[in-house]
Amino acid sequence: MAETRTWQRFGDFGTSNNGEDTSASGSISSYLLITPNSGRFGDGLEITNHPASNAGEPNAGMAGPYPVGTEHYVVAVYDHTNTFAGANGTMTLYFDGVGIASNEIHPDLDMRTMNDNNNWLGRSQWNDAVFDGSYNEFRIWDEALPADYVRRAYQAGPDAVVTVPEPAAATIVALLSLLAVPFRRRFAR
């Protein structure tokens, strides 16, 4: 990142109030977000899940400001089968291979059925700042990443293939990203 911009996004997945290709508001829409500059965490790292009911927005984060100028490994796991934080599942945030925060997936949000026509890197369902940077590597998985995998993948570094131990619990979405300044754009799996 070249500049801290509160609420800029690494990724935003779901829809906005006005539907596809719009970013005016997400107040009554379902979405997931990962931001390096959360207004709730002093411009620190945050993951959130927001239900269309607008009945609360569970979040997990790290106080900021988010560190720039060096590469960091950020993983957000959203897992409906892990009921540690709530009956509808658990989201967990990892930073440089270490789990730093968890929270529930809101009971009104089901990622298996939510409208996800706005799946964006660097853009928000809201009229927030566009991400001021680029990506070294970005991955989306269709299964939960166990903590041991996240640690081993961080240690292996970008572009390394690290196998997920079997069996891994099935989930809806997990994000795996490596972010750096300067950034190189590379997409894998």
Protein backbone atom coordinates (compact mmCIF):
# COMPACT_ATOMS: atom_id res chain seq x y z
CA MET A 1 0.00 0.00 0.00
CA ALA A 2 1.24 3.42 -0.86
CA GLU A 3 -1.20 5.28 1.36
CA THR A 4 -3.54 4.59 4.29
CA ARG A 5 -7.14 5.14 3.17
CA THR A 6 -9.73 4.27 5.80
CA TRP A 7 -12.08 1.49 4.60
CA GLN A 8 -10.14 0.69 1.42
CA ARG A 9 -10.53 -3.02 0.67
CA PHE A 10 -8.28 -5.94 -0.08
CA GLY A 11 -11.49 -7.74 -1.05
CA ASP A 12 -15.27 -7.40 -0.81
CA PHE A 13 -17.59 -10.29 -1.70
CA GLY A 14 -21.41 -10.14 -1.93
CA THR A 15 -23.66 -7.40 -3.25
CA SER A 16 -24.63 -3.79 -2.63
CA ASN A 17 -28.08 -2.29 -2.03
CA ASN A 18 -28.42 -1.36 -5.72
CA GLY A 19 -27.12 -4.68 -7.02
CA GLU A 20 -24.52 -5.60 -9.56
CA ASP A 21 -21.69 -3.19 -10.41
CA THR A 22 -22.77 -0.51 -7.92
CA SER A 23 -21.05 0.75 -4.77
CA ALA A 24 -23.33 3.35 -3.22
CA SER A 25 -24.20 1.43 -0.03
CA GLY A 26 -24.27 -2.04 1.49
CA SER A 27 -26.45 -1.27 4.51
CA ILE A 28 -29.16 -3.82 3.63
CA SER A 29 -27.01 -6.28 1.67
CA SER A 30 -25.04 -9.40 2.52
CA TYR A 31 -21.28 -9.22 2.05
CA LEU A 32 -17.88 -10.20 3.45
CA LEU A 33 -14.97 -7.79 3.59
CA ILE A 34 -11.30 -7.67 4.38
CA THR A 35 -9.73 -4.25 4.85
CA PRO A 36 -6.25 -3.17 5.87
CA ASN A 37 -7.62 0.14 7.18
CA SER A 38 -10.69 -0.39 9.34
CA GLY A 39 -12.29 2.64 10.94
CA ARG A 40 -13.15 0.40 13.91
CA PHE A 41 -9.55 -0.74 14.48
CA GLY A 42 -7.64 2.55 14.13
CA ASP A 43 -6.86 1.92 10.44
CA GLY A 44 -5.86 -1.66 11.28
CA LEU A 45 -6.73 -4.98 9.66
CA GLU A 46 -10.34 -6.25 9.83
CA ILE A 47 -12.59 -8.96 8.45
CA THR A 48 -16.36 -8.62 8.67
CA ASN A 49 -19.52 -10.41 7.66
CA HIS A 50 -22.59 -8.22 7.12
CA PRO A 51 -26.09 -9.70 6.81
CA ALA A 52 -28.79 -8.18 4.59
CA SER A 53 -30.94 -7.81 7.74
CA ASN A 54 -28.43 -5.15 8.93
CA ALA A 55 -28.83 -6.74 12.38
CA GLY A 56 -25.22 -6.31 13.42
CA GLU A 57 -21.88 -6.85 11.79
CA PRO A 58 -19.53 -9.29 13.51
CA ASN A 59 -15.91 -8.35 12.93
CA ALA A 60 -12.44 -9.48 13.93
CA GLY A 61 -9.34 -7.37 13.65
CA MET A 62 -5.96 -6.06 14.65
CA ALA A 63 -5.40 -2.53 15.93
CA GLY A 64 -3.67 -0.27 13.46
CA PRO A 65 -2.37 1.40 11.61
CA TYR A 66 -1.73 -1.46 9.17
CA PRO A 67 2.02 -1.82 8.52
CA VAL A 68 3.20 -0.80 5.04
CA GLY A 69 6.49 -1.14 3.24
CA THR A 70 7.00 -4.86 3.94
CA GLU A 71 5.24 -8.00 2.74
CA HIS A 72 2.54 -9.43 4.99
CA TYR A 73 0.53 -12.62 4.77
CA VAL A 74 -3.19 -12.15 5.48
CA VAL A 75 -5.73 -14.99 5.65
CA ALA A 76 -9.46 -14.74 6.34
CA VAL A 77 -11.30 -18.03 6.92
CA TYR A 78 -15.11 -18.11 6.97
CA ASP A 79 -16.29 -21.55 8.13
CA HIS A 80 -19.97 -22.47 8.64
CA THR A 81 -18.95 -25.86 10.11
CA ASN A 82 -16.79 -24.44 12.93
CA THR A 83 -19.23 -23.42 15.69
CA PHE A 84 -16.55 -22.23 18.15
CA ALA A 85 -17.67 -18.57 17.92
CA GLY A 86 -21.34 -19.10 17.03
CA ALA A 87 -23.95 -21.59 15.89
CA ASN A 88 -23.73 -20.36 12.25
CA GLY A 89 -19.95 -20.68 12.11
CA THR A 90 -16.71 -18.87 12.79
CA MET A 91 -14.55 -16.43 10.87
CA THR A 92 -10.85 -16.29 11.76
CA LEU A 93 -8.24 -13.69 10.80
CA TYR A 94 -4.56 -14.62 10.45
CA PHE A 95 -1.63 -12.23 10.10
CA ASP A 96 1.80 -13.53 9.09
CA GLY A 97 0.79 -17.12 9.88
CA VAL A 98 -0.69 -16.47 13.34
CA GLY A 99 -4.39 -16.45 14.25
CA ILE A 100 -5.09 -13.03 15.73
CA ALA A 101 -8.89 -12.83 16.06
CA SER A 102 -12.12 -14.79 15.60
CA ASN A 103 -15.82 -14.00 15.73
CA GLU A 104 -19.13 -15.50 14.72
CA ILE A 105 -20.68 -15.57 11.28
CA HIS A 106 -23.92 -13.66 11.79
CA PRO A 107 -26.98 -15.97 12.19
CA ASP A 108 -28.77 -14.08 9.38
CA LEU A 109 -25.99 -14.72 6.84
CA ASP A 110 -25.68 -17.91 4.82
CA MET A 111 -22.77 -17.77 2.39
CA ARG A 112 -24.16 -20.80 0.52
CA THR A 113 -27.18 -18.78 -0.64
CA MET A 114 -26.19 -15.10 -0.46
CA ASN A 115 -26.22 -13.01 -3.62
CA ASP A 116 -22.58 -12.55 -4.61
CA ASN A 117 -22.65 -10.62 -7.87
CA ASN A 118 -20.08 -8.05 -6.67
CA ASN A 119 -16.90 -10.00 -5.90
CA TRP A 120 -14.20 -7.39 -5.95
CA LEU A 121 -10.52 -7.01 -5.23
CA GLY A 122 -9.73 -3.48 -4.10
CA ARG A 123 -13.33 -2.19 -4.25
CA SER A 124 -16.15 -1.94 -1.69
CA GLN A 125 -19.94 -2.39 -1.70
CA TRP A 126 -19.89 1.16 -0.32
CA ASN A 127 -18.50 4.39 -1.78
CA ASP A 128 -15.15 3.80 -0.02
CA ALA A 129 -11.64 4.52 -1.29
CA VAL A 130 -10.27 2.10 -3.86
CA PHE A 131 -7.31 -0.02 -2.68
CA ASP A 132 -4.05 1.89 -3.11
CA GLY A 133 -1.72 -0.99 -3.97
CA SER A 134 -1.59 -4.29 -5.81
CA TYR A 135 -1.32 -7.96 -4.88
CA ASN A 136 1.63 -10.30 -4.78
CA GLU A 137 -0.67 -13.34 -4.62
CA PHE A 138 -4.38 -13.89 -4.00
CA ARG A 139 -6.12 -17.24 -3.53
CA ILE A 140 -9.68 -18.31 -2.83
CA TRP A 141 -10.26 -21.79 -1.42
CA ASP A 142 -13.46 -23.86 -1.23
CA GLU A 143 -12.54 -25.44 2.09
CA ALA A 144 -11.52 -24.19 5.52
CA LEU A 145 -7.81 -23.75 5.97
CA PRO A 146 -6.63 -25.24 9.26
CA ALA A 147 -4.32 -23.14 11.43
CA ASP A 148 -1.39 -25.50 10.79
CA TYR A 149 -1.78 -25.03 7.03
CA VAL A 150 -1.83 -21.24 7.39
CA ARG A 151 1.37 -21.35 9.45
CA ARG A 152 3.14 -23.69 6.98
CA ALA A 153 2.01 -21.66 3.95
CA TYR A 154 3.33 -18.46 5.53
CA GLN A 155 6.68 -20.15 6.22
CA ALA A 156 6.87 -21.49 2.63
CA GLY A 157 6.30 -18.05 1.10
CA PRO A 158 4.57 -16.94 -2.11
CA ASP A 159 4.13 -19.30 -5.07
CA ALA A 160 4.89 -22.36 -2.92
CA VAL A 161 2.49 -25.29 -3.08
CA VAL A 162 1.58 -26.45 0.41
CA THR A 163 -0.82 -29.37 0.66
CA VAL A 164 -3.92 -29.13 2.82
CA PRO A 165 -4.15 -32.11 5.19
CA GLU A 166 -7.08 -34.45 4.53
CA PRO A 167 -9.84 -34.35 5.46
CA ALA A 168 -10.35 -30.60 5.66
CA ALA A 169 -13.74 -29.30 6.77
CA ALA A 170 -15.81 -27.92 3.92
CA THR A 171 -16.66 -24.23 4.02
CA ILE A 172 -17.96 -21.62 1.72
CA VAL A 173 -15.09 -19.22 1.29
CA ALA A 174 -11.63 -18.58 2.56
CA LEU A 175 -9.25 -15.92 1.38
CA LEU A 176 -5.53 -16.27 1.19
CA SER A 177 -3.53 -13.28 0.18
CA LEU A 178 0.02 -12.06 0.26
CA LEU A 179 0.34 -8.31 0.16
CA ALA A 180 3.48 -6.34 -0.37
CA VAL A 181 5.02 -3.00 -1.21
CA PRO A 182 6.23 -2.89 -3.89
CA PHE A 183 3.53 -5.19 -5.24
CA ARG A 184 3.63 -7.67 -8.08
CA ARG A 185 0.38 -8.94 -9.52
CA ARG A 186 0.28 -12.72 -9.61
CA PHE A 187 -2.82 -14.90 -9.35
CA ALA A 188 -2.81 -18.58 -8.47
CA ARG A 189 -5.40 -21.31 -8.02
